[in-house]
């Protein structure tokens, strides 16, 4: 049986969409002290899934994918749906 939550994962984890996940990595490291824990590149070498942590907090993000309902604020024209 799968442990819930898995070891080294908090019970609640934020998932975000960024237009430029690679730039977001640098920003989050510099601005808040996050450290990349996992970066999965796509076929073009750009990150498609990123996990970053600071202290015992974890966030996950990747590029927005509108057709799947996972979009950045820019893709949504700054509006909530």
Protein backbone atom coordinates (compact mmCIF):
# COMPACT_ATOMS: atom_id res chain seq x y z
CA UNK A 1 0.00 0.00 0.00
CA UNK A 2 1.24 3.49 -0.82
CA UNK A 3 2.05 5.62 2.21
CA UNK A 4 0.03 8.85 2.39
CA UNK A 5 1.84 11.17 2.25
CA UNK A 6 5.00 9.53 0.89
CA UNK A 7 8.19 9.98 2.90
CA UNK A 8 9.76 13.43 2.42
CA UNK A 9 6.51 14.95 1.09
CA UNK A 10 4.24 17.24 3.11
CA UNK A 11 0.53 16.48 3.26
CA UNK A 12 -0.33 19.60 1.23
CA UNK A 13 1.87 20.73 -1.65
CA UNK A 14 1.28 23.79 -3.83
CA UNK A 15 1.31 23.24 -7.59
CA UNK A 16 1.97 26.30 -9.75
CA UNK A 17 2.20 27.10 -13.45
CA UNK A 18 4.93 29.40 -14.77
CA UNK A 19 5.39 30.66 -18.33
CA UNK A 20 9.15 30.14 -17.90
CA UNK A 21 9.87 27.43 -15.29
CA UNK A 22 13.62 27.78 -15.82
CA UNK A 23 13.50 31.48 -14.90
CA UNK A 24 11.24 30.65 -11.94
CA UNK A 25 13.90 28.31 -10.54
CA UNK A 26 16.46 31.12 -10.48
CA UNK A 27 13.98 33.63 -9.06
CA UNK A 28 12.79 31.35 -6.25
CA UNK A 29 16.37 30.43 -5.32
CA UNK A 30 17.49 34.06 -5.16
CA UNK A 31 14.35 35.64 -3.67
CA UNK A 32 13.31 33.02 -1.11
CA UNK A 33 16.20 30.58 -0.72
CA UNK A 34 14.42 27.62 -2.36
CA UNK A 35 16.61 24.73 -3.52
CA UNK A 36 15.74 22.54 -6.51
CA UNK A 37 15.07 19.00 -5.35
CA UNK A 38 13.86 17.58 -8.69
CA UNK A 39 13.89 18.99 -12.22
CA UNK A 40 12.48 16.85 -15.02
CA UNK A 41 13.37 18.14 -18.50
CA UNK A 42 11.13 17.72 -21.52
CA UNK A 43 12.30 16.67 -24.98
CA UNK A 44 13.50 20.23 -25.66
CA UNK A 45 15.53 20.27 -22.44
CA UNK A 46 13.24 22.80 -20.72
CA UNK A 47 11.76 21.84 -17.32
CA UNK A 48 8.33 20.22 -17.46
CA UNK A 49 8.16 19.39 -13.73
CA UNK A 50 10.07 21.04 -10.89
CA UNK A 51 10.07 20.40 -7.15
CA UNK A 52 11.71 22.99 -4.92
CA UNK A 53 11.96 23.16 -1.15
CA UNK A 54 12.85 25.63 1.55
CA UNK A 55 13.05 24.43 5.15
CA UNK A 56 10.37 21.72 5.30
CA UNK A 57 8.14 23.29 2.63
CA UNK A 58 7.73 22.00 -0.91
CA UNK A 59 6.29 23.51 -4.08
CA UNK A 60 5.87 21.89 -7.48
CA UNK A 61 5.55 23.70 -10.78
CA UNK A 62 5.92 23.46 -14.50
CA UNK A 63 4.78 25.22 -17.64
CA UNK A 64 1.10 26.00 -17.99
CA UNK A 65 -0.95 23.59 -20.06
CA UNK A 66 -4.25 25.36 -20.79
CA UNK A 67 -5.88 22.37 -22.46
CA UNK A 68 -5.46 20.43 -19.20
CA UNK A 69 -6.76 23.28 -17.05
CA UNK A 70 -3.31 24.04 -15.61
CA UNK A 71 -2.45 27.55 -16.72
CA UNK A 72 -0.34 30.51 -15.69
CA UNK A 73 -1.98 33.84 -14.89
CA UNK A 74 -0.62 35.19 -18.18
CA UNK A 75 -2.35 32.41 -20.11
CA UNK A 76 -5.59 33.22 -18.27
CA UNK A 77 -5.16 36.94 -19.00
CA UNK A 78 -4.93 37.51 -15.26
CA UNK A 79 -8.47 36.20 -14.64
CA UNK A 80 -9.66 33.34 -12.47
CA UNK A 81 -12.01 30.87 -14.12
